[in-house]
Amino acid sequence: MVEQGVLERRPYDARPRYEYHLTGKGADLVEMLMVMARWGDRWLAGEAGPPVLYRHHACGQIAHVEPACSHCGEPMHAGDVDPLPGPGSAAG
């Protein structure tokens, strides 16, 4: 993960000991993992409920992760989007 730029290794002791910190790339990965955890909470959690809860720092409430449109803020679901070729695609 260090080689891929997800984590960075920082020494914290005179001996060769290190701690690992998320990079910006790693923080983006955590967001994707939280969306996957939301799926697991919805479809795989037992009657007791999800194994992990997420408290939102801004409002202090327990919330679930849901992708939202970066322009209007509305939730985005599979039926709400049209995939189109982007500038990096081979199409066109």
N, C-alpha and C. Protein backbone atom coordinates (compact mmCIF):
# COMPACT_ATOMS: atom_id res chain seq x y z
N MET A 1 0.82 -1.18 0.00
CA MET A 1 0.00 0.00 0.00
C MET A 1 0.87 1.26 0.00
N VAL A 2 2.05 1.16 0.59
CA VAL A 2 2.98 2.28 0.57
C VAL A 2 3.46 2.52 -0.86
N GLU A 3 3.82 1.43 -1.56
CA GLU A 3 4.30 1.56 -2.94
C GLU A 3 3.26 2.16 -3.86
N GLN A 4 1.98 1.92 -3.57
CA GLN A 4 0.90 2.44 -4.41
C GLN A 4 0.45 3.83 -3.98
N GLY A 5 1.02 4.38 -2.92
CA GLY A 5 0.69 5.72 -2.48
C GLY A 5 -0.57 5.83 -1.65
N VAL A 6 -1.06 4.70 -1.11
CA VAL A 6 -2.26 4.71 -0.27
C VAL A 6 -1.88 5.08 1.17
N LEU A 7 -0.75 4.59 1.63
CA LEU A 7 -0.22 4.88 2.96
C LEU A 7 1.17 5.46 2.84
N GLU A 8 1.55 6.26 3.82
CA GLU A 8 2.95 6.68 3.90
C GLU A 8 3.51 6.23 5.23
N ARG A 9 4.75 5.80 5.20
CA ARG A 9 5.42 5.28 6.38
C ARG A 9 6.25 6.38 7.01
N ARG A 10 6.06 6.60 8.33
CA ARG A 10 6.81 7.64 9.05
C ARG A 10 7.50 7.01 10.25
N PRO A 11 8.80 7.30 10.43
CA PRO A 11 9.49 6.78 11.62
C PRO A 11 8.97 7.49 12.87
N TYR A 12 8.86 6.76 13.97
CA TYR A 12 8.41 7.39 15.21
C TYR A 12 9.29 7.04 16.40
N ASP A 13 10.37 6.33 16.18
CA ASP A 13 11.25 5.91 17.26
C ASP A 13 12.67 5.88 16.72
N ALA A 14 13.64 5.93 17.61
CA ALA A 14 15.04 5.85 17.19
C ALA A 14 15.33 4.49 16.56
N ARG A 15 14.66 3.47 17.06
CA ARG A 15 14.79 2.15 16.44
C ARG A 15 14.02 2.17 15.12
N PRO A 16 14.26 1.26 14.26
CA PRO A 16 13.51 1.26 12.99
C PRO A 16 12.04 0.84 13.21
N ARG A 17 11.26 1.75 13.79
CA ARG A 17 9.84 1.51 13.99
C ARG A 17 9.08 2.59 13.24
N TYR A 18 7.95 2.20 12.65
CA TYR A 18 7.22 3.12 11.80
C TYR A 18 5.74 3.10 12.14
N GLU A 19 5.08 4.20 11.83
CA GLU A 19 3.64 4.24 11.85
C GLU A 19 3.19 4.58 10.44
N TYR A 20 1.98 4.21 10.12
CA TYR A 20 1.48 4.38 8.77
C TYR A 20 0.32 5.36 8.78
N HIS A 21 0.32 6.28 7.82
CA HIS A 21 -0.70 7.32 7.72
C HIS A 21 -1.33 7.29 6.33
N LEU A 22 -2.63 7.54 6.29
CA LEU A 22 -3.31 7.63 5.01
C LEU A 22 -2.84 8.85 4.23
N THR A 23 -2.68 8.67 2.94
CA THR A 23 -2.43 9.79 2.04
C THR A 23 -3.79 10.26 1.51
N GLY A 24 -3.80 11.26 0.68
CA GLY A 24 -5.05 11.68 0.04
C GLY A 24 -5.65 10.54 -0.78
N LYS A 25 -4.81 9.80 -1.45
CA LYS A 25 -5.25 8.65 -2.23
C LYS A 25 -5.88 7.60 -1.30
N GLY A 26 -5.29 7.41 -0.13
CA GLY A 26 -5.83 6.47 0.84
C GLY A 26 -7.16 6.92 1.40
N ALA A 27 -7.32 8.22 1.65
CA ALA A 27 -8.59 8.74 2.17
C ALA A 27 -9.70 8.51 1.16
N ASP A 28 -9.41 8.68 -0.13
CA ASP A 28 -10.41 8.39 -1.17
C ASP A 28 -10.78 6.92 -1.16
N LEU A 29 -9.82 6.06 -0.92
CA LEU A 29 -10.09 4.62 -0.85
C LEU A 29 -10.99 4.29 0.33
N VAL A 30 -10.78 4.94 1.47
CA VAL A 30 -11.63 4.71 2.65
C VAL A 30 -13.07 5.06 2.34
N GLU A 31 -13.30 6.14 1.60
CA GLU A 31 -14.66 6.51 1.22
C GLU A 31 -15.32 5.40 0.41
N MET A 32 -14.59 4.81 -0.52
CA MET A 32 -15.13 3.71 -1.31
C MET A 32 -15.41 2.50 -0.43
N LEU A 33 -14.54 2.21 0.51
CA LEU A 33 -14.75 1.08 1.41
C LEU A 33 -15.97 1.30 2.31
N MET A 34 -16.22 2.54 2.70
CA MET A 34 -17.39 2.84 3.52
C MET A 34 -18.68 2.60 2.74
N VAL A 35 -18.68 2.89 1.45
CA VAL A 35 -19.85 2.60 0.61
C VAL A 35 -20.05 1.09 0.53
N MET A 36 -18.96 0.34 0.42
CA MET A 36 -19.07 -1.13 0.39
C MET A 36 -19.59 -1.64 1.73
N ALA A 37 -19.14 -1.05 2.83
CA ALA A 37 -19.64 -1.45 4.15
C ALA A 37 -21.13 -1.18 4.27
N ARG A 38 -21.58 -0.08 3.69
CA ARG A 38 -23.02 0.24 3.69
C ARG A 38 -23.81 -0.88 3.01
N TRP A 39 -23.29 -1.39 1.90
CA TRP A 39 -23.95 -2.49 1.20
C TRP A 39 -24.02 -3.71 2.10
N GLY A 40 -22.91 -4.03 2.76
CA GLY A 40 -22.88 -5.17 3.67
C GLY A 40 -23.85 -4.99 4.83
N ASP A 41 -23.93 -3.76 5.37
CA ASP A 41 -24.86 -3.48 6.47
C ASP A 41 -26.30 -3.69 6.02
N ARG A 42 -26.60 -3.32 4.80
CA ARG A 42 -27.98 -3.44 4.29
C ARG A 42 -28.35 -4.88 3.98
N TRP A 43 -27.44 -5.62 3.37
CA TRP A 43 -27.79 -6.95 2.86
C TRP A 43 -27.27 -8.12 3.68
N LEU A 44 -26.29 -7.91 4.53
CA LEU A 44 -25.68 -9.04 5.22
C LEU A 44 -25.75 -8.98 6.74
N ALA A 45 -26.04 -7.80 7.30
CA ALA A 45 -26.08 -7.68 8.76
C ALA A 45 -27.25 -8.51 9.31
N GLY A 46 -27.03 -9.14 10.42
CA GLY A 46 -28.08 -9.94 11.05
C GLY A 46 -29.10 -9.07 11.76
N GLU A 47 -29.96 -9.72 12.53
CA GLU A 47 -31.02 -9.01 13.24
C GLU A 47 -30.47 -8.02 14.26
N ALA A 48 -29.28 -8.25 14.76
CA ALA A 48 -28.69 -7.35 15.74
C ALA A 48 -28.31 -6.01 15.13
N GLY A 49 -28.15 -5.98 13.81
CA GLY A 49 -27.79 -4.74 13.13
C GLY A 49 -26.35 -4.74 12.66
N PRO A 50 -25.91 -3.63 12.10
CA PRO A 50 -24.56 -3.56 11.56
C PRO A 50 -23.49 -3.64 12.65
N PRO A 51 -22.33 -4.18 12.31
CA PRO A 51 -21.27 -4.32 13.31
C PRO A 51 -20.55 -3.00 13.64
N VAL A 52 -20.66 -2.00 12.78
CA VAL A 52 -20.00 -0.72 12.99
C VAL A 52 -20.99 0.39 12.71
N LEU A 53 -20.97 1.43 13.55
CA LEU A 53 -21.78 2.62 13.33
C LEU A 53 -20.85 3.78 13.00
N TYR A 54 -21.35 4.75 12.25
CA TYR A 54 -20.54 5.89 11.84
C TYR A 54 -21.18 7.18 12.36
N ARG A 55 -20.45 7.90 13.22
CA ARG A 55 -20.93 9.19 13.71
C ARG A 55 -20.33 10.28 12.84
N HIS A 56 -21.19 11.09 12.26
CA HIS A 56 -20.77 12.17 11.38
C HIS A 56 -20.26 13.34 12.22
N HIS A 57 -19.02 13.78 11.98
CA HIS A 57 -18.43 14.85 12.77
C HIS A 57 -19.22 16.14 12.68
N ALA A 58 -19.74 16.48 11.51
CA ALA A 58 -20.40 17.77 11.32
C ALA A 58 -21.67 17.92 12.14
N CYS A 59 -22.46 16.85 12.27
CA CYS A 59 -23.74 16.97 12.98
C CYS A 59 -23.81 16.12 14.25
N GLY A 60 -22.85 15.21 14.42
CA GLY A 60 -22.84 14.37 15.61
C GLY A 60 -23.80 13.20 15.59
N GLN A 61 -24.50 13.01 14.48
CA GLN A 61 -25.49 11.94 14.38
C GLN A 61 -24.89 10.67 13.79
N ILE A 62 -25.50 9.53 14.15
CA ILE A 62 -25.13 8.26 13.53
C ILE A 62 -25.78 8.25 12.14
N ALA A 63 -24.97 7.98 11.14
CA ALA A 63 -25.46 8.05 9.76
C ALA A 63 -24.90 6.89 8.95
N HIS A 64 -25.45 6.71 7.76
CA HIS A 64 -24.89 5.74 6.83
C HIS A 64 -24.30 6.50 5.65
N VAL A 65 -23.35 5.87 4.98
CA VAL A 65 -22.68 6.49 3.85
C VAL A 65 -23.53 6.28 2.61
N GLU A 66 -23.70 7.33 1.85
CA GLU A 66 -24.49 7.26 0.63
C GLU A 66 -23.85 8.19 -0.40
N PRO A 67 -23.57 7.69 -1.60
CA PRO A 67 -22.98 8.57 -2.61
C PRO A 67 -23.96 9.70 -2.97
N ALA A 68 -23.43 10.89 -3.14
CA ALA A 68 -24.25 12.04 -3.51
C ALA A 68 -23.61 12.75 -4.69
N CYS A 69 -24.45 13.40 -5.47
CA CYS A 69 -23.99 14.16 -6.63
C CYS A 69 -23.11 15.32 -6.17
N SER A 70 -21.98 15.49 -6.81
CA SER A 70 -21.07 16.57 -6.44
C SER A 70 -21.58 17.95 -6.87
N HIS A 71 -22.63 17.98 -7.69
CA HIS A 71 -23.18 19.27 -8.14
C HIS A 71 -24.40 19.69 -7.34
N CYS A 72 -25.37 18.78 -7.17
CA CYS A 72 -26.62 19.18 -6.51
C CYS A 72 -26.77 18.61 -5.10
N GLY A 73 -25.93 17.61 -4.73
CA GLY A 73 -26.00 17.02 -3.40
C GLY A 73 -27.05 15.93 -3.23
N GLU A 74 -27.85 15.67 -4.26
CA GLU A 74 -28.86 14.62 -4.17
C GLU A 74 -28.21 13.24 -4.18
N PRO A 75 -28.83 12.24 -3.52
CA PRO A 75 -28.29 10.89 -3.54
C PRO A 75 -28.22 10.34 -4.96
N MET A 76 -27.21 9.51 -5.21
CA MET A 76 -27.05 8.88 -6.52
C MET A 76 -27.18 7.37 -6.37
N HIS A 77 -28.07 6.79 -7.15
CA HIS A 77 -28.27 5.34 -7.16
C HIS A 77 -28.13 4.84 -8.59
N ALA A 78 -28.11 3.53 -8.76
CA ALA A 78 -27.84 2.94 -10.08
C ALA A 78 -28.79 3.46 -11.16
N GLY A 79 -30.06 3.63 -10.85
CA GLY A 79 -31.02 4.10 -11.85
C GLY A 79 -30.99 5.59 -12.09
N ASP A 80 -30.16 6.32 -11.35
CA ASP A 80 -30.12 7.78 -11.44
C ASP A 80 -28.99 8.32 -12.30
N VAL A 81 -28.19 7.46 -12.88
CA VAL A 81 -27.03 7.93 -13.64
C VAL A 81 -26.96 7.24 -14.99
N ASP A 82 -26.36 7.92 -15.95
CA ASP A 82 -26.07 7.35 -17.26
C ASP A 82 -24.55 7.34 -17.42
N PRO A 83 -23.93 6.16 -17.55
CA PRO A 83 -22.49 6.13 -17.79
C PRO A 83 -22.19 6.58 -19.22
N LEU A 84 -21.27 7.51 -19.39
CA LEU A 84 -20.90 8.04 -20.70
C LEU A 84 -19.39 7.93 -20.88
N PRO A 85 -18.90 7.83 -22.11
CA PRO A 85 -17.46 7.79 -22.30
C PRO A 85 -16.81 9.08 -21.81
N GLY A 86 -15.73 8.93 -21.07
CA GLY A 86 -15.00 10.08 -20.58
C GLY A 86 -13.81 10.40 -21.44
N PRO A 87 -13.08 11.44 -21.11
CA PRO A 87 -11.95 11.85 -21.93
C PRO A 87 -10.82 10.82 -21.98
N GLY A 88 -10.77 9.93 -20.99
CA GLY A 88 -9.72 8.91 -21.00
C GLY A 88 -10.15 7.60 -21.63
N SER A 89 -11.35 7.55 -22.18
CA SER A 89 -11.83 6.29 -22.78
C SER A 89 -11.25 6.11 -24.17
N ALA A 90 -11.29 4.88 -24.66
CA ALA A 90 -10.81 4.57 -26.01
C ALA A 90 -11.87 4.91 -27.04
N ALA A 91 -13.11 5.12 -26.62
CA ALA A 91 -14.20 5.43 -27.56
C ALA A 91 -14.01 6.83 -28.13
N GLY A 92 -14.41 6.99 -29.37
CA GLY A 92 -14.41 8.34 -29.95
C GLY A 92 -13.21 8.57 -30.74
